[in-house]
N, C-alpha and C. Protein backbone atom coordinates (compact mmCIF):
# COMPACT_ATOMS: atom_id res chain seq x y z
N MET A 1 208.04 147.50 48.68
CA MET A 1 206.60 147.41 48.78
C MET A 1 206.22 146.56 49.99
N LEU A 2 205.08 146.84 50.53
CA LEU A 2 204.57 146.04 51.63
C LEU A 2 204.07 144.69 51.13
N LYS A 3 204.20 143.69 51.96
CA LYS A 3 203.74 142.35 51.58
C LYS A 3 202.28 142.38 51.17
N ARG A 4 201.48 143.09 51.94
CA ARG A 4 200.04 143.21 51.64
C ARG A 4 199.81 143.73 50.22
N ASP A 5 200.58 144.73 49.82
CA ASP A 5 200.43 145.32 48.49
C ASP A 5 200.86 144.33 47.39
N VAL A 6 201.90 143.58 47.66
CA VAL A 6 202.37 142.59 46.68
C VAL A 6 201.30 141.52 46.48
N LEU A 7 200.75 141.00 47.59
CA LEU A 7 199.73 139.97 47.48
C LEU A 7 198.47 140.51 46.80
N GLN A 8 198.11 141.73 47.09
CA GLN A 8 196.95 142.34 46.44
C GLN A 8 197.19 142.46 44.94
N TYR A 9 198.38 142.88 44.56
CA TYR A 9 198.74 142.98 43.14
C TYR A 9 198.61 141.61 42.46
N LEU A 10 199.15 140.59 43.12
CA LEU A 10 199.09 139.24 42.54
C LEU A 10 197.65 138.77 42.38
N GLU A 11 196.81 139.08 43.37
CA GLU A 11 195.40 138.69 43.28
C GLU A 11 194.71 139.39 42.11
N GLU A 12 195.08 140.64 41.87
CA GLU A 12 194.43 141.42 40.81
C GLU A 12 194.94 141.06 39.41
N TYR A 13 196.24 140.79 39.28
CA TYR A 13 196.83 140.67 37.96
C TYR A 13 197.35 139.29 37.59
N CYS A 14 197.33 138.36 38.51
CA CYS A 14 197.82 137.01 38.23
C CYS A 14 196.61 136.07 38.21
N HIS A 15 196.31 135.55 37.06
CA HIS A 15 195.13 134.71 36.86
C HIS A 15 195.06 133.58 37.89
N ASN A 16 193.96 133.51 38.64
CA ASN A 16 193.67 132.46 39.62
C ASN A 16 194.64 132.40 40.80
N PHE A 17 195.42 133.45 41.01
CA PHE A 17 196.37 133.42 42.12
C PHE A 17 195.67 133.17 43.45
N LYS A 18 194.60 133.91 43.71
CA LYS A 18 193.93 133.81 45.02
C LYS A 18 193.42 132.39 45.27
N LEU A 19 192.78 131.80 44.28
CA LEU A 19 192.27 130.43 44.43
C LEU A 19 193.41 129.45 44.64
N ARG A 20 194.44 129.57 43.84
CA ARG A 20 195.58 128.64 43.94
C ARG A 20 196.29 128.78 45.28
N PHE A 21 196.55 130.01 45.69
CA PHE A 21 197.28 130.23 46.94
C PHE A 21 196.45 129.75 48.13
N SER A 22 195.17 130.07 48.14
CA SER A 22 194.33 129.62 49.27
C SER A 22 194.22 128.10 49.30
N THR A 23 194.23 127.46 48.14
CA THR A 23 194.20 126.00 48.09
C THR A 23 195.47 125.42 48.70
N LEU A 24 196.61 125.99 48.35
CA LEU A 24 197.88 125.53 48.93
C LEU A 24 197.93 125.80 50.43
N VAL A 25 197.46 126.95 50.86
CA VAL A 25 197.46 127.28 52.29
C VAL A 25 196.56 126.30 53.06
N SER A 26 195.44 125.91 52.45
CA SER A 26 194.54 124.98 53.13
C SER A 26 195.17 123.61 53.36
N ALA A 27 196.21 123.29 52.60
CA ALA A 27 196.90 122.00 52.74
C ALA A 27 198.30 122.18 53.30
N LYS A 28 198.53 123.27 54.03
CA LYS A 28 199.87 123.57 54.53
C LYS A 28 200.35 122.53 55.54
N THR A 29 201.65 122.33 55.57
CA THR A 29 202.25 121.50 56.61
C THR A 29 203.00 122.36 57.61
N ARG A 30 203.20 123.62 57.28
CA ARG A 30 203.92 124.53 58.17
C ARG A 30 203.06 124.86 59.39
N ARG A 31 203.71 125.26 60.45
CA ARG A 31 203.00 125.62 61.69
C ARG A 31 202.22 126.91 61.54
N GLU A 32 202.81 127.86 60.85
CA GLU A 32 202.18 129.16 60.64
C GLU A 32 201.64 129.24 59.22
N ALA A 33 200.42 129.76 59.06
CA ALA A 33 199.89 129.97 57.71
C ALA A 33 200.74 130.99 56.98
N ASP A 34 201.24 131.99 57.72
CA ASP A 34 202.04 133.06 57.14
C ASP A 34 203.25 133.32 58.05
N PRO A 35 204.38 132.68 57.77
CA PRO A 35 205.56 132.85 58.62
C PRO A 35 206.28 134.19 58.40
N TYR A 36 205.72 135.04 57.55
CA TYR A 36 206.36 136.32 57.23
C TYR A 36 206.60 137.16 58.49
N ARG A 37 205.62 137.21 59.38
CA ARG A 37 205.74 138.03 60.59
C ARG A 37 206.95 137.60 61.43
N VAL A 38 207.10 136.30 61.59
CA VAL A 38 208.22 135.78 62.38
C VAL A 38 209.54 136.09 61.69
N LEU A 39 209.61 135.83 60.40
CA LEU A 39 210.83 136.09 59.64
C LEU A 39 211.15 137.58 59.64
N SER A 40 210.15 138.41 59.45
CA SER A 40 210.33 139.85 59.41
C SER A 40 210.90 140.37 60.73
N ALA A 41 210.42 139.82 61.83
CA ALA A 41 210.91 140.25 63.14
C ALA A 41 212.41 139.98 63.27
N HIS A 42 212.86 138.86 62.72
CA HIS A 42 214.29 138.54 62.78
C HIS A 42 215.10 139.45 61.86
N VAL A 43 214.60 139.65 60.66
CA VAL A 43 215.34 140.42 59.66
C VAL A 43 215.42 141.89 60.05
N HIS A 44 214.31 142.47 60.45
CA HIS A 44 214.28 143.90 60.70
C HIS A 44 214.89 144.32 62.03
N SER A 45 215.14 143.37 62.90
CA SER A 45 215.77 143.74 64.17
C SER A 45 217.29 143.61 64.10
N GLN A 46 217.82 143.27 62.96
CA GLN A 46 219.26 143.07 62.83
C GLN A 46 219.98 144.37 62.49
N SER A 47 220.69 144.89 63.42
CA SER A 47 221.57 146.03 63.20
C SER A 47 222.70 145.92 64.21
N PRO A 48 223.78 146.60 63.97
CA PRO A 48 224.91 146.50 64.92
C PRO A 48 224.53 146.87 66.35
N LEU A 49 223.51 147.71 66.52
CA LEU A 49 223.13 148.14 67.86
C LEU A 49 222.38 147.07 68.65
N VAL A 50 221.72 146.14 67.96
CA VAL A 50 220.95 145.12 68.68
C VAL A 50 221.57 143.73 68.61
N LEU A 51 222.62 143.57 67.82
CA LEU A 51 223.26 142.27 67.73
C LEU A 51 224.10 141.99 68.97
N PRO A 52 224.03 140.78 69.49
CA PRO A 52 224.85 140.45 70.66
C PRO A 52 226.32 140.36 70.27
N SER A 53 227.18 140.59 71.23
CA SER A 53 228.62 140.42 70.98
C SER A 53 229.06 139.16 71.71
N TYR A 54 229.94 138.42 71.09
CA TYR A 54 230.41 137.15 71.65
C TYR A 54 231.89 137.25 71.95
N LYS A 55 232.27 136.79 73.12
CA LYS A 55 233.67 136.84 73.51
C LYS A 55 234.37 135.51 73.25
N HIS A 56 233.60 134.41 73.28
CA HIS A 56 234.19 133.09 73.09
C HIS A 56 233.49 132.38 71.94
N LEU A 57 234.27 131.73 71.08
CA LEU A 57 233.71 131.06 69.91
C LEU A 57 232.64 130.03 70.28
N GLU A 58 232.81 129.32 71.38
CA GLU A 58 231.84 128.28 71.74
C GLU A 58 230.46 128.87 72.05
N SER A 59 230.41 130.15 72.36
CA SER A 59 229.11 130.78 72.64
C SER A 59 228.31 131.04 71.36
N LEU A 60 228.96 130.89 70.21
CA LEU A 60 228.27 131.06 68.93
C LEU A 60 227.40 129.84 68.57
N VAL A 61 227.65 128.71 69.21
CA VAL A 61 226.89 127.50 68.92
C VAL A 61 225.65 127.49 69.81
N ALA A 62 224.52 127.50 69.17
CA ALA A 62 223.25 127.55 69.91
C ALA A 62 222.89 126.16 70.44
N PRO A 63 222.07 126.13 71.46
CA PRO A 63 221.58 124.83 71.95
C PRO A 63 220.79 124.11 70.86
N GLU A 64 220.74 122.80 70.95
CA GLU A 64 220.07 121.99 69.93
C GLU A 64 218.63 122.43 69.70
N LYS A 65 217.92 122.79 70.76
CA LYS A 65 216.52 123.21 70.63
C LYS A 65 216.40 124.43 69.72
N LYS A 66 217.29 125.39 69.89
CA LYS A 66 217.28 126.60 69.05
C LYS A 66 217.61 126.27 67.60
N ILE A 67 218.55 125.38 67.40
CA ILE A 67 218.94 124.99 66.05
C ILE A 67 217.75 124.33 65.35
N ARG A 68 217.05 123.45 66.06
CA ARG A 68 215.87 122.80 65.49
C ARG A 68 214.77 123.81 65.17
N GLU A 69 214.61 124.83 66.00
CA GLU A 69 213.63 125.89 65.74
C GLU A 69 213.99 126.65 64.46
N CYS A 70 215.28 126.90 64.27
CA CYS A 70 215.73 127.59 63.04
C CYS A 70 215.46 126.76 61.81
N ILE A 71 215.71 125.47 61.89
CA ILE A 71 215.46 124.58 60.77
C ILE A 71 213.97 124.55 60.45
N ALA A 72 213.13 124.47 61.48
CA ALA A 72 211.68 124.45 61.27
C ALA A 72 211.21 125.76 60.64
N LEU A 73 211.77 126.88 61.08
CA LEU A 73 211.40 128.17 60.49
C LEU A 73 211.82 128.22 59.02
N GLN A 74 213.00 127.71 58.70
CA GLN A 74 213.45 127.67 57.31
C GLN A 74 212.50 126.83 56.46
N GLN A 75 212.05 125.71 57.00
CA GLN A 75 211.12 124.85 56.26
C GLN A 75 209.78 125.58 56.06
N ASP A 76 209.29 126.24 57.10
CA ASP A 76 208.03 126.98 56.99
C ASP A 76 208.11 128.08 55.94
N VAL A 77 209.20 128.82 55.96
CA VAL A 77 209.37 129.92 55.01
C VAL A 77 209.51 129.38 53.58
N ALA A 78 210.26 128.30 53.42
CA ALA A 78 210.42 127.70 52.09
C ALA A 78 209.08 127.24 51.54
N GLU A 79 208.26 126.62 52.37
CA GLU A 79 206.95 126.17 51.91
C GLU A 79 206.08 127.37 51.56
N TYR A 80 206.09 128.40 52.39
CA TYR A 80 205.28 129.60 52.16
C TYR A 80 205.67 130.28 50.84
N LEU A 81 206.96 130.51 50.66
CA LEU A 81 207.42 131.15 49.42
C LEU A 81 207.16 130.25 48.21
N GLY A 82 207.34 128.96 48.39
CA GLY A 82 207.04 128.02 47.32
C GLY A 82 205.57 128.06 46.93
N ASP A 83 204.69 128.19 47.92
CA ASP A 83 203.26 128.28 47.63
C ASP A 83 202.94 129.53 46.82
N ILE A 84 203.56 130.63 47.17
CA ILE A 84 203.34 131.87 46.41
C ILE A 84 203.81 131.69 44.97
N LEU A 85 205.00 131.14 44.79
CA LEU A 85 205.53 130.95 43.44
C LEU A 85 204.71 129.95 42.63
N LEU A 86 204.26 128.88 43.27
CA LEU A 86 203.41 127.92 42.56
C LEU A 86 202.09 128.56 42.16
N ALA A 87 201.53 129.39 43.03
CA ALA A 87 200.27 130.06 42.69
C ALA A 87 200.46 131.03 41.53
N ILE A 88 201.62 131.65 41.44
CA ILE A 88 201.90 132.58 40.34
C ILE A 88 202.12 131.82 39.03
N PHE A 89 202.95 130.80 39.07
CA PHE A 89 203.39 130.12 37.85
C PHE A 89 202.63 128.82 37.57
N ALA A 90 201.48 128.66 38.18
CA ALA A 90 200.72 127.41 38.01
C ALA A 90 200.26 127.18 36.58
N ASP A 91 200.15 128.24 35.80
CA ASP A 91 199.76 128.04 34.40
C ASP A 91 200.84 127.30 33.62
N LYS A 92 202.02 127.20 34.20
CA LYS A 92 203.12 126.44 33.58
C LYS A 92 203.33 125.11 34.31
N TRP A 93 202.29 124.66 35.01
CA TRP A 93 202.34 123.46 35.85
C TRP A 93 202.97 122.27 35.12
N ALA A 94 202.56 122.04 33.90
CA ALA A 94 203.04 120.87 33.14
C ALA A 94 204.54 120.93 32.88
N SER A 95 205.12 122.11 32.83
CA SER A 95 206.54 122.22 32.53
C SER A 95 207.41 122.45 33.77
N LEU A 96 206.79 122.53 34.95
CA LEU A 96 207.59 122.73 36.17
C LEU A 96 208.28 121.42 36.55
N PRO A 97 209.47 121.51 37.11
CA PRO A 97 210.21 120.30 37.49
C PRO A 97 209.45 119.48 38.54
N SER A 98 209.58 118.19 38.46
CA SER A 98 208.88 117.30 39.40
C SER A 98 209.31 117.55 40.84
N ALA A 99 210.54 117.99 41.06
CA ALA A 99 211.00 118.28 42.42
C ALA A 99 210.20 119.42 43.05
N ILE A 100 209.70 120.32 42.23
CA ILE A 100 208.88 121.42 42.73
C ILE A 100 207.43 120.96 42.91
N LEU A 101 206.94 120.16 41.99
CA LEU A 101 205.54 119.73 42.02
C LEU A 101 205.26 118.64 43.05
N ALA A 102 206.21 117.76 43.29
CA ALA A 102 205.97 116.61 44.16
C ALA A 102 205.46 117.00 45.55
N PRO A 103 206.08 117.97 46.24
CA PRO A 103 205.56 118.32 47.57
C PRO A 103 204.14 118.88 47.52
N ALA A 104 203.84 119.68 46.52
CA ALA A 104 202.49 120.25 46.39
C ALA A 104 201.48 119.14 46.11
N LYS A 105 201.82 118.22 45.22
CA LYS A 105 200.91 117.10 44.92
C LYS A 105 200.70 116.23 46.16
N ALA A 106 201.76 116.02 46.92
CA ALA A 106 201.64 115.20 48.13
C ALA A 106 200.72 115.87 49.15
N ARG A 107 200.81 117.17 49.28
CA ARG A 107 199.97 117.90 50.23
C ARG A 107 198.53 117.98 49.76
N LEU A 108 198.32 118.22 48.48
CA LEU A 108 196.98 118.43 47.95
C LEU A 108 196.29 117.15 47.53
N GLY A 109 197.09 116.19 47.12
CA GLY A 109 196.52 115.00 46.46
C GLY A 109 196.51 115.29 44.97
N ALA A 110 196.78 114.31 44.18
CA ALA A 110 196.92 114.48 42.74
C ALA A 110 195.64 115.01 42.10
N ASP A 111 194.48 114.51 42.55
CA ASP A 111 193.21 114.95 41.95
C ASP A 111 192.94 116.43 42.18
N LYS A 112 193.11 116.87 43.41
CA LYS A 112 192.86 118.28 43.73
C LYS A 112 193.88 119.16 43.02
N ALA A 113 195.11 118.73 42.98
CA ALA A 113 196.15 119.50 42.30
C ALA A 113 195.82 119.65 40.82
N ALA A 114 195.36 118.58 40.22
CA ALA A 114 195.03 118.62 38.79
C ALA A 114 193.86 119.56 38.50
N LYS A 115 192.91 119.68 39.42
CA LYS A 115 191.75 120.56 39.22
C LYS A 115 192.11 122.03 39.35
N VAL A 116 193.00 122.34 40.28
CA VAL A 116 193.32 123.73 40.58
C VAL A 116 194.46 124.26 39.72
N PHE A 117 195.44 123.41 39.46
CA PHE A 117 196.66 123.85 38.78
C PHE A 117 196.70 123.37 37.34
N VAL A 118 195.94 124.07 36.53
CA VAL A 118 195.93 123.76 35.09
C VAL A 118 196.16 125.02 34.31
């Protein structure tokens, strides 16, 4: 399914998904509101025909700048996917592990989180 269709489904059938997700997006720490496009470009361009070939093992190690960009992208994607999952399962907010809730509470503030995620 297309991402657009999945999000539309969640908005239609998951109670308060749209409000919860938009609230989390408004407090994002990631650079991109929706890192899906960047991630998709990497995933969908991977095939044996477009992958580079390496002759020497040392060429497999990327420069530090590239490695830091990969780490930042992983953090952005993790926050984005986490926001979607929190918006879906927010009705179970009280039973979610503190390790999952702590970053959302820190971004939103405890008061705002308590109002939206009940």
